[in-house]
N, C-alpha and C. Protein backbone atom coordinates (compact mmCIF):
# COMPACT_ATOMS: atom_id res chain seq x y z
N MET A 1 -12.47 15.42 -16.04
CA MET A 1 -11.18 15.22 -15.42
C MET A 1 -10.48 14.05 -16.18
N LYS A 2 -9.18 14.21 -16.41
CA LYS A 2 -8.44 13.07 -17.00
C LYS A 2 -8.32 11.93 -16.04
N ARG A 3 -8.19 10.67 -16.55
CA ARG A 3 -8.04 9.52 -15.74
C ARG A 3 -6.53 9.08 -15.83
N LEU A 4 -6.04 8.62 -14.65
CA LEU A 4 -4.73 8.07 -14.61
C LEU A 4 -4.75 6.57 -14.73
N ARG A 5 -4.16 5.95 -15.76
CA ARG A 5 -4.25 4.52 -16.01
C ARG A 5 -2.86 3.97 -16.09
N TYR A 6 -2.68 2.87 -15.34
CA TYR A 6 -1.44 2.09 -15.40
C TYR A 6 -1.68 0.97 -16.38
N SER A 7 -1.09 1.13 -17.59
CA SER A 7 -1.25 0.18 -18.70
C SER A 7 0.07 -0.49 -18.86
N VAL A 8 0.12 -1.81 -18.57
CA VAL A 8 1.39 -2.48 -18.50
C VAL A 8 1.26 -3.95 -18.87
N ALA A 9 2.37 -4.55 -19.37
CA ALA A 9 2.45 -5.98 -19.60
C ALA A 9 3.05 -6.65 -18.40
N MET A 10 2.60 -7.85 -18.04
CA MET A 10 3.06 -8.55 -16.80
C MET A 10 3.21 -9.99 -17.15
N SER A 11 4.19 -10.66 -16.58
CA SER A 11 4.38 -12.12 -16.69
C SER A 11 3.24 -12.75 -15.84
N LEU A 12 2.95 -14.02 -16.11
CA LEU A 12 1.95 -14.73 -15.30
C LEU A 12 2.31 -14.72 -13.82
N ASP A 13 3.60 -14.70 -13.46
CA ASP A 13 3.97 -14.70 -12.06
C ASP A 13 4.20 -13.35 -11.50
N GLY A 14 3.72 -12.31 -12.20
CA GLY A 14 3.58 -10.93 -11.56
C GLY A 14 4.73 -9.93 -11.78
N PHE A 15 5.56 -10.19 -12.79
CA PHE A 15 6.68 -9.27 -13.09
C PHE A 15 6.46 -8.43 -14.26
N ILE A 16 6.90 -7.17 -14.22
CA ILE A 16 6.86 -6.31 -15.39
C ILE A 16 8.14 -6.16 -16.16
N ALA A 17 9.13 -6.70 -15.59
CA ALA A 17 10.49 -6.78 -16.23
C ALA A 17 11.29 -7.90 -15.53
N GLY A 18 12.23 -8.47 -16.35
CA GLY A 18 13.05 -9.53 -15.75
C GLY A 18 14.00 -9.00 -14.76
N PRO A 19 14.82 -9.84 -14.12
CA PRO A 19 15.79 -9.44 -13.03
C PRO A 19 16.79 -8.30 -13.42
N LYS A 20 17.09 -8.26 -14.73
CA LYS A 20 17.99 -7.24 -15.22
C LYS A 20 17.28 -6.09 -15.98
N GLY A 21 15.93 -6.02 -15.78
CA GLY A 21 15.13 -5.02 -16.43
C GLY A 21 14.69 -5.45 -17.80
N GLU A 22 14.97 -6.58 -18.25
CA GLU A 22 14.66 -7.04 -19.63
C GLU A 22 13.21 -7.23 -19.86
N TYR A 23 12.78 -6.96 -21.01
CA TYR A 23 11.42 -7.18 -21.41
C TYR A 23 11.21 -7.89 -22.72
N ASP A 24 12.25 -8.67 -23.11
CA ASP A 24 12.26 -9.39 -24.33
C ASP A 24 11.19 -10.50 -24.33
N TRP A 25 10.63 -10.84 -23.19
CA TRP A 25 9.57 -11.89 -23.05
C TRP A 25 8.24 -11.42 -23.44
N ILE A 26 8.05 -10.14 -23.62
CA ILE A 26 6.72 -9.59 -24.00
C ILE A 26 6.43 -9.98 -25.40
N VAL A 27 5.22 -10.59 -25.57
CA VAL A 27 4.74 -11.00 -26.92
C VAL A 27 4.30 -9.83 -27.64
N MET A 28 4.82 -9.59 -28.85
CA MET A 28 4.43 -8.51 -29.69
C MET A 28 3.38 -9.01 -30.67
N ASP A 29 2.17 -9.05 -30.20
CA ASP A 29 1.02 -9.61 -30.94
C ASP A 29 0.77 -8.73 -32.13
N PRO A 30 0.88 -9.35 -33.35
CA PRO A 30 0.74 -8.59 -34.57
C PRO A 30 -0.74 -8.11 -34.82
N ASP A 31 -1.65 -8.68 -34.14
CA ASP A 31 -3.05 -8.29 -34.25
C ASP A 31 -3.42 -7.16 -33.30
N PHE A 32 -2.57 -6.85 -32.41
CA PHE A 32 -2.87 -5.84 -31.36
C PHE A 32 -2.90 -4.42 -31.99
N ASP A 33 -3.85 -3.68 -31.69
CA ASP A 33 -4.03 -2.24 -32.21
C ASP A 33 -3.26 -1.26 -31.38
N TRP A 34 -1.92 -1.13 -31.63
CA TRP A 34 -1.08 -0.20 -30.90
C TRP A 34 -1.55 1.23 -31.18
N LYS A 35 -1.89 1.57 -32.37
CA LYS A 35 -2.37 2.92 -32.62
C LYS A 35 -3.61 3.30 -31.89
N GLY A 36 -4.48 2.29 -31.76
CA GLY A 36 -5.67 2.45 -30.91
C GLY A 36 -5.39 2.68 -29.50
N LEU A 37 -4.41 1.93 -28.93
CA LEU A 37 -3.98 2.08 -27.57
C LEU A 37 -3.43 3.52 -27.38
N TYR A 38 -2.43 3.91 -28.18
CA TYR A 38 -1.83 5.22 -28.06
C TYR A 38 -2.88 6.37 -28.19
N GLY A 39 -3.93 6.12 -29.03
CA GLY A 39 -4.94 7.15 -29.28
C GLY A 39 -5.83 7.40 -27.99
N GLN A 40 -5.78 6.55 -27.03
CA GLN A 40 -6.58 6.77 -25.82
C GLN A 40 -5.88 7.81 -24.89
N PHE A 41 -4.61 8.05 -25.11
CA PHE A 41 -3.84 8.92 -24.19
C PHE A 41 -3.28 10.13 -25.00
N ASP A 42 -3.10 11.18 -24.24
CA ASP A 42 -2.34 12.41 -24.79
C ASP A 42 -1.15 12.73 -23.88
N THR A 43 -0.98 11.93 -22.83
CA THR A 43 0.02 12.20 -21.81
C THR A 43 0.61 10.82 -21.35
N ALA A 44 1.93 10.83 -21.27
CA ALA A 44 2.66 9.68 -20.67
C ALA A 44 3.41 10.10 -19.41
N LEU A 45 3.22 9.32 -18.38
CA LEU A 45 3.95 9.61 -17.14
C LEU A 45 4.79 8.39 -16.78
N MET A 46 6.08 8.65 -16.42
CA MET A 46 6.88 7.52 -16.11
C MET A 46 7.91 7.87 -15.05
N GLY A 47 8.48 6.85 -14.44
CA GLY A 47 9.51 7.04 -13.48
C GLY A 47 10.86 7.20 -14.24
N ARG A 48 11.94 7.51 -13.47
CA ARG A 48 13.25 7.71 -14.03
C ARG A 48 13.77 6.49 -14.79
N ARG A 49 13.71 5.34 -14.18
CA ARG A 49 14.26 4.12 -14.82
C ARG A 49 13.54 3.77 -16.05
N THR A 50 12.18 3.94 -16.13
CA THR A 50 11.41 3.69 -17.38
C THR A 50 11.84 4.71 -18.44
N TYR A 51 11.96 5.94 -18.01
CA TYR A 51 12.40 6.99 -18.93
C TYR A 51 13.78 6.66 -19.59
N ASP A 52 14.73 6.16 -18.73
CA ASP A 52 16.05 5.77 -19.27
C ASP A 52 15.91 4.68 -20.28
N THR A 53 15.05 3.67 -19.94
CA THR A 53 14.93 2.54 -20.84
C THR A 53 14.28 3.01 -22.15
N VAL A 54 13.30 3.87 -22.10
CA VAL A 54 12.65 4.46 -23.26
C VAL A 54 13.66 5.13 -24.18
N ARG A 55 14.49 5.95 -23.56
CA ARG A 55 15.52 6.65 -24.32
C ARG A 55 16.56 5.73 -24.93
N GLU A 56 17.02 4.69 -24.16
CA GLU A 56 17.97 3.72 -24.70
C GLU A 56 17.48 3.02 -25.87
N ARG A 57 16.20 2.79 -25.95
CA ARG A 57 15.57 2.09 -27.09
C ARG A 57 15.22 2.98 -28.24
N GLY A 58 15.52 4.34 -28.14
CA GLY A 58 15.25 5.24 -29.18
C GLY A 58 13.77 5.60 -29.33
N MET A 59 13.03 5.32 -28.23
CA MET A 59 11.56 5.68 -28.29
C MET A 59 11.36 6.97 -27.53
N SER A 60 10.15 7.46 -27.74
CA SER A 60 9.74 8.71 -27.02
C SER A 60 8.23 8.75 -27.00
N ALA A 61 7.73 9.42 -25.95
CA ALA A 61 6.23 9.63 -25.87
C ALA A 61 5.82 10.56 -27.05
N LYS A 62 6.72 11.46 -27.41
CA LYS A 62 6.37 12.38 -28.52
C LYS A 62 6.12 11.57 -29.81
N SER A 63 6.91 10.48 -30.07
CA SER A 63 6.75 9.74 -31.31
C SER A 63 5.42 8.96 -31.24
N MET A 64 4.79 8.80 -30.04
CA MET A 64 3.53 8.18 -29.89
C MET A 64 2.39 9.26 -29.82
N GLY A 65 2.77 10.54 -30.06
CA GLY A 65 1.77 11.58 -30.08
C GLY A 65 1.36 12.06 -28.68
N MET A 66 2.27 11.92 -27.67
CA MET A 66 1.90 12.32 -26.33
C MET A 66 2.92 13.30 -25.72
N LYS A 67 2.47 14.00 -24.72
CA LYS A 67 3.36 14.80 -23.89
C LYS A 67 3.91 13.90 -22.90
N ALA A 68 5.15 14.12 -22.47
CA ALA A 68 5.87 13.22 -21.51
C ALA A 68 6.22 13.92 -20.20
N TYR A 69 5.94 13.25 -19.10
CA TYR A 69 6.33 13.69 -17.80
C TYR A 69 7.09 12.59 -17.08
N VAL A 70 8.17 13.03 -16.38
CA VAL A 70 8.98 12.03 -15.69
C VAL A 70 9.15 12.45 -14.23
N ALA A 71 8.97 11.55 -13.36
CA ALA A 71 9.10 11.79 -11.93
C ALA A 71 10.57 11.42 -11.58
N SER A 72 11.31 12.44 -11.19
CA SER A 72 12.71 12.20 -10.89
C SER A 72 13.30 13.37 -10.02
N ARG A 73 14.05 13.06 -9.05
CA ARG A 73 14.72 14.04 -8.28
C ARG A 73 16.09 14.36 -8.81
N THR A 74 16.58 13.54 -9.72
CA THR A 74 17.97 13.72 -10.18
C THR A 74 18.13 14.21 -11.57
N LEU A 75 17.15 14.06 -12.43
CA LEU A 75 17.26 14.61 -13.75
C LEU A 75 17.26 16.11 -13.78
N LYS A 76 18.10 16.71 -14.64
CA LYS A 76 18.11 18.16 -14.76
C LYS A 76 17.24 18.60 -15.95
N PRO A 77 16.21 19.36 -15.71
CA PRO A 77 15.29 19.76 -16.83
C PRO A 77 15.97 20.32 -18.03
N GLU A 78 16.99 21.13 -17.88
CA GLU A 78 17.66 21.73 -19.03
C GLU A 78 18.40 20.66 -19.90
N GLU A 79 18.63 19.44 -19.35
CA GLU A 79 19.27 18.37 -20.13
C GLU A 79 18.23 17.42 -20.75
N HIS A 80 16.93 17.73 -20.52
CA HIS A 80 15.86 16.87 -21.02
C HIS A 80 14.72 17.71 -21.50
N PRO A 81 14.89 18.58 -22.49
CA PRO A 81 13.88 19.50 -22.91
C PRO A 81 12.60 18.88 -23.54
N ASP A 82 12.69 17.57 -23.91
CA ASP A 82 11.61 16.85 -24.52
C ASP A 82 10.55 16.37 -23.53
N VAL A 83 10.82 16.46 -22.20
CA VAL A 83 9.91 16.07 -21.19
C VAL A 83 9.78 17.13 -20.13
N THR A 84 8.74 17.02 -19.35
CA THR A 84 8.56 17.88 -18.17
C THR A 84 8.93 16.97 -16.98
N ILE A 85 9.78 17.47 -16.08
CA ILE A 85 10.24 16.65 -14.97
C ILE A 85 9.51 17.15 -13.67
N PHE A 86 8.97 16.14 -12.99
CA PHE A 86 8.34 16.45 -11.69
C PHE A 86 9.35 16.10 -10.68
N ARG A 87 9.93 17.11 -10.03
CA ARG A 87 11.04 16.89 -9.08
C ARG A 87 10.50 16.86 -7.61
N GLU A 88 9.57 17.74 -7.32
CA GLU A 88 9.09 17.89 -5.98
C GLU A 88 7.57 17.60 -6.03
N ASP A 89 7.05 17.10 -4.88
CA ASP A 89 5.59 16.86 -4.71
C ASP A 89 4.89 16.34 -5.98
N VAL A 90 5.37 15.14 -6.35
CA VAL A 90 4.82 14.46 -7.54
C VAL A 90 3.29 14.33 -7.41
N ALA A 91 2.82 14.00 -6.26
CA ALA A 91 1.34 13.82 -6.14
C ALA A 91 0.61 15.06 -6.51
N ALA A 92 1.03 16.22 -6.08
CA ALA A 92 0.41 17.45 -6.40
C ALA A 92 0.52 17.79 -7.90
N SER A 93 1.65 17.49 -8.43
CA SER A 93 1.86 17.70 -9.92
C SER A 93 0.90 16.82 -10.71
N VAL A 94 0.77 15.55 -10.35
CA VAL A 94 -0.12 14.65 -11.01
C VAL A 94 -1.54 15.07 -10.84
N ARG A 95 -1.96 15.48 -9.63
CA ARG A 95 -3.31 15.99 -9.38
C ARG A 95 -3.62 17.12 -10.33
N ALA A 96 -2.66 18.02 -10.49
CA ALA A 96 -2.92 19.18 -11.40
C ALA A 96 -2.94 18.75 -12.85
N LEU A 97 -2.14 17.74 -13.22
CA LEU A 97 -2.20 17.21 -14.58
C LEU A 97 -3.60 16.57 -14.89
N LYS A 98 -4.13 15.84 -13.90
CA LYS A 98 -5.39 15.15 -14.04
C LYS A 98 -6.55 16.19 -14.18
N ALA A 99 -6.37 17.33 -13.50
CA ALA A 99 -7.43 18.34 -13.56
C ALA A 99 -7.52 19.05 -14.89
N GLY A 100 -6.47 18.96 -15.72
CA GLY A 100 -6.48 19.63 -17.03
C GLY A 100 -7.32 18.94 -18.08
N PRO A 101 -7.45 19.69 -19.18
CA PRO A 101 -8.27 19.04 -20.26
C PRO A 101 -7.51 17.97 -21.01
N GLY A 102 -8.20 17.10 -21.79
CA GLY A 102 -7.57 16.14 -22.60
C GLY A 102 -7.94 14.76 -22.39
N LYS A 103 -7.14 13.88 -22.99
CA LYS A 103 -7.40 12.43 -22.91
C LYS A 103 -6.74 11.87 -21.62
N ASP A 104 -6.89 10.56 -21.42
CA ASP A 104 -6.32 9.93 -20.20
C ASP A 104 -4.82 10.07 -20.17
N ILE A 105 -4.29 9.77 -18.99
CA ILE A 105 -2.82 9.80 -18.75
C ILE A 105 -2.35 8.36 -18.64
N TRP A 106 -1.33 7.97 -19.38
CA TRP A 106 -0.78 6.60 -19.31
C TRP A 106 0.43 6.62 -18.33
N LEU A 107 0.25 5.92 -17.22
CA LEU A 107 1.35 5.59 -16.39
C LEU A 107 2.14 4.51 -17.13
N PHE A 108 3.17 4.87 -17.70
CA PHE A 108 3.96 4.04 -18.62
C PHE A 108 5.15 3.45 -17.93
N GLY A 109 4.88 2.44 -17.08
CA GLY A 109 6.04 1.76 -16.45
C GLY A 109 6.39 2.44 -15.16
N GLY A 110 6.88 1.63 -14.30
CA GLY A 110 7.36 2.13 -13.01
C GLY A 110 6.52 1.65 -11.89
N GLY A 111 6.79 0.39 -11.35
CA GLY A 111 6.02 -0.16 -10.30
C GLY A 111 6.08 0.65 -9.04
N ILE A 112 7.22 1.26 -8.77
CA ILE A 112 7.39 2.12 -7.59
C ILE A 112 6.51 3.32 -7.66
N LEU A 113 6.49 3.99 -8.85
CA LEU A 113 5.67 5.17 -9.03
C LEU A 113 4.20 4.74 -9.05
N PHE A 114 3.85 3.61 -9.55
CA PHE A 114 2.49 3.09 -9.49
C PHE A 114 2.09 2.94 -8.02
N ARG A 115 2.91 2.33 -7.21
CA ARG A 115 2.61 2.19 -5.77
C ARG A 115 2.32 3.53 -5.11
N TYR A 116 3.25 4.46 -5.39
CA TYR A 116 3.19 5.83 -4.82
C TYR A 116 1.83 6.53 -5.21
N LEU A 117 1.49 6.52 -6.48
CA LEU A 117 0.32 7.11 -6.95
C LEU A 117 -0.99 6.39 -6.50
N LEU A 118 -0.92 5.12 -6.40
CA LEU A 118 -2.05 4.32 -5.86
C LEU A 118 -2.31 4.68 -4.47
N ASP A 119 -1.27 4.70 -3.63
CA ASP A 119 -1.36 5.05 -2.16
C ASP A 119 -1.86 6.51 -2.04
N ALA A 120 -1.43 7.42 -2.99
CA ALA A 120 -1.96 8.80 -2.89
C ALA A 120 -3.38 8.95 -3.42
N GLY A 121 -4.04 7.86 -3.84
CA GLY A 121 -5.43 7.96 -4.19
C GLY A 121 -5.59 8.56 -5.63
N LEU A 122 -4.56 8.48 -6.46
CA LEU A 122 -4.58 9.22 -7.78
C LEU A 122 -4.84 8.26 -8.94
N MET A 123 -4.69 6.86 -8.70
CA MET A 123 -4.90 5.94 -9.77
C MET A 123 -6.38 5.75 -10.02
N ASP A 124 -6.74 5.64 -11.29
CA ASP A 124 -8.12 5.42 -11.64
C ASP A 124 -8.33 4.02 -12.28
N ALA A 125 -7.34 3.49 -12.89
CA ALA A 125 -7.56 2.21 -13.58
C ALA A 125 -6.21 1.50 -13.68
N VAL A 126 -6.32 0.15 -13.79
CA VAL A 126 -5.16 -0.72 -13.97
C VAL A 126 -5.45 -1.61 -15.17
N ASP A 127 -4.70 -1.47 -16.25
CA ASP A 127 -4.89 -2.25 -17.49
C ASP A 127 -3.64 -3.14 -17.57
N VAL A 128 -3.87 -4.48 -17.45
CA VAL A 128 -2.77 -5.40 -17.45
C VAL A 128 -2.90 -6.41 -18.59
N ALA A 129 -1.88 -6.56 -19.30
CA ALA A 129 -1.83 -7.62 -20.35
C ALA A 129 -0.92 -8.75 -19.76
N VAL A 130 -1.56 -9.86 -19.41
CA VAL A 130 -0.73 -10.95 -18.79
C VAL A 130 -0.20 -11.81 -19.95
N VAL A 131 1.12 -11.84 -19.97
CA VAL A 131 1.86 -12.63 -21.05
C VAL A 131 2.08 -14.00 -20.52
N PRO A 132 1.87 -15.06 -21.41
CA PRO A 132 2.04 -16.44 -20.91
C PRO A 132 3.55 -16.85 -20.74
N VAL A 133 4.14 -16.36 -19.75
CA VAL A 133 5.55 -16.71 -19.43
C VAL A 133 5.72 -16.69 -17.90
N LEU A 134 6.55 -17.46 -17.37
CA LEU A 134 6.94 -17.42 -15.93
C LEU A 134 8.35 -17.01 -15.83
N LEU A 135 8.65 -15.83 -15.28
CA LEU A 135 10.01 -15.31 -15.23
C LEU A 135 10.76 -15.81 -14.05
N GLY A 136 10.03 -16.05 -12.91
CA GLY A 136 10.71 -16.57 -11.70
C GLY A 136 11.27 -15.51 -10.77
N SER A 137 11.60 -14.36 -11.35
CA SER A 137 12.06 -13.19 -10.60
C SER A 137 12.11 -11.96 -11.51
N GLY A 138 12.26 -10.82 -10.91
CA GLY A 138 12.29 -9.59 -11.70
C GLY A 138 11.70 -8.40 -10.98
N VAL A 139 11.23 -7.48 -11.72
CA VAL A 139 10.60 -6.23 -11.19
C VAL A 139 9.08 -6.51 -11.02
N PRO A 140 8.62 -6.47 -9.74
CA PRO A 140 7.18 -6.77 -9.56
C PRO A 140 6.24 -5.71 -10.17
N LEU A 141 5.03 -6.16 -10.44
CA LEU A 141 3.96 -5.20 -10.88
C LEU A 141 3.81 -4.11 -9.94
N LEU A 142 3.83 -4.50 -8.66
CA LEU A 142 3.58 -3.55 -7.58
C LEU A 142 4.31 -3.91 -6.30
N PRO A 143 5.16 -3.03 -5.78
CA PRO A 143 5.84 -3.27 -4.54
C PRO A 143 4.86 -3.36 -3.38
N GLU A 144 5.31 -3.84 -2.26
CA GLU A 144 4.48 -3.98 -1.09
C GLU A 144 3.82 -2.68 -0.66
N GLY A 145 2.67 -2.77 -0.10
CA GLY A 145 2.04 -1.59 0.36
C GLY A 145 0.54 -1.89 0.75
N GLU A 146 -0.26 -0.89 0.72
CA GLU A 146 -1.62 -0.97 1.17
C GLU A 146 -2.48 -1.77 0.18
N ARG A 147 -3.53 -2.41 0.71
CA ARG A 147 -4.49 -3.12 -0.12
C ARG A 147 -5.37 -2.15 -0.91
N CYS A 148 -5.76 -2.54 -2.08
CA CYS A 148 -6.58 -1.71 -2.92
C CYS A 148 -7.58 -2.64 -3.68
N LYS A 149 -8.86 -2.32 -3.58
CA LYS A 149 -9.80 -3.17 -4.31
C LYS A 149 -9.97 -2.62 -5.74
N LEU A 150 -10.20 -3.60 -6.63
CA LEU A 150 -10.41 -3.26 -8.06
C LEU A 150 -11.67 -3.88 -8.51
N LYS A 151 -12.28 -3.30 -9.57
CA LYS A 151 -13.49 -3.84 -10.19
C LYS A 151 -13.19 -4.16 -11.63
N LEU A 152 -13.39 -5.43 -12.07
CA LEU A 152 -13.13 -5.81 -13.45
C LEU A 152 -14.08 -5.08 -14.39
N ALA A 153 -13.52 -4.42 -15.41
CA ALA A 153 -14.25 -3.67 -16.40
C ALA A 153 -14.30 -4.44 -17.71
N GLU A 154 -13.19 -5.20 -18.02
CA GLU A 154 -13.11 -5.84 -19.30
C GLU A 154 -12.02 -6.97 -19.20
N CYS A 155 -12.27 -8.06 -19.97
CA CYS A 155 -11.29 -9.09 -20.04
C CYS A 155 -11.33 -9.77 -21.42
N ASN A 156 -10.18 -9.85 -22.03
CA ASN A 156 -10.08 -10.45 -23.38
C ASN A 156 -8.87 -11.37 -23.50
N ALA A 157 -9.13 -12.58 -24.05
CA ALA A 157 -7.99 -13.51 -24.31
C ALA A 157 -7.72 -13.41 -25.80
N ARG A 158 -6.42 -13.28 -26.17
CA ARG A 158 -6.00 -13.19 -27.52
C ARG A 158 -5.44 -14.45 -28.00
N ALA A 159 -5.40 -14.72 -29.30
CA ALA A 159 -4.88 -15.93 -29.91
C ALA A 159 -3.38 -16.17 -29.48
N SER A 160 -2.68 -15.07 -29.19
CA SER A 160 -1.24 -15.19 -28.80
C SER A 160 -1.11 -15.72 -27.38
N GLY A 161 -2.22 -15.89 -26.66
CA GLY A 161 -2.11 -16.37 -25.28
C GLY A 161 -2.11 -15.29 -24.23
N VAL A 162 -2.01 -14.05 -24.75
CA VAL A 162 -2.06 -12.87 -23.82
C VAL A 162 -3.51 -12.63 -23.37
N VAL A 163 -3.66 -12.38 -22.08
CA VAL A 163 -4.97 -12.05 -21.58
C VAL A 163 -4.95 -10.62 -21.07
N SER A 164 -5.77 -9.80 -21.66
CA SER A 164 -5.84 -8.42 -21.28
C SER A 164 -6.96 -8.16 -20.34
N MET A 165 -6.68 -7.54 -19.21
CA MET A 165 -7.67 -7.26 -18.18
C MET A 165 -7.66 -5.74 -17.84
N LYS A 166 -8.85 -5.14 -17.78
CA LYS A 166 -8.94 -3.71 -17.43
C LYS A 166 -9.76 -3.68 -16.11
N TYR A 167 -9.17 -3.02 -15.14
CA TYR A 167 -9.82 -2.85 -13.81
C TYR A 167 -9.95 -1.40 -13.51
N GLU A 168 -11.06 -1.06 -12.86
CA GLU A 168 -11.26 0.32 -12.25
C GLU A 168 -10.81 0.21 -10.86
N VAL A 169 -10.18 1.20 -10.37
CA VAL A 169 -9.78 1.34 -8.92
C VAL A 169 -11.10 1.66 -8.14
N SER A 170 -11.35 0.82 -7.15
CA SER A 170 -12.56 1.01 -6.37
C SER A 170 -12.28 2.16 -5.30
N ARG A 171 -13.22 3.02 -5.16
CA ARG A 171 -13.03 4.16 -4.16
C ARG A 171 -13.76 3.89 -2.89
N GLU A 172 -14.18 2.63 -2.69
CA GLU A 172 -14.90 2.21 -1.46
C GLU A 172 -14.03 2.21 -0.26
């Protein structure tokens, strides 16, 4: 079964984007193996706002070698042929996606979608790169909700000051 992993950068004070959605504070570590990261996944899942940001920046999951899925009630599939849109029962759609063959699924941004999938019991891992900056406000890593225990699987400090932590979601 595929695993659903939230892999995201976060400021030291817990934000994944600034108050206006900006992410210019994220350190682009020249020694980081981006190709290696992308190679762990064959599927990217994102919320509507993340998808809009990705498109505005001229990026795509396809350019990273992945299939893309977007959770949105407002996007029209015929206007976005490069992605599959989950409009109804996102949890059931993600459950079916996880049951298929292939590599892990990258939850690529979207704190609200992360909270929803975590509460639905569909998240398997949380990979956070903590960037040494304090934003003071912005988009939180995770909106309010139920408590969830995690188990540390890996922790690495980089010369750039970024600390990468990988956690498994505890099913206890």
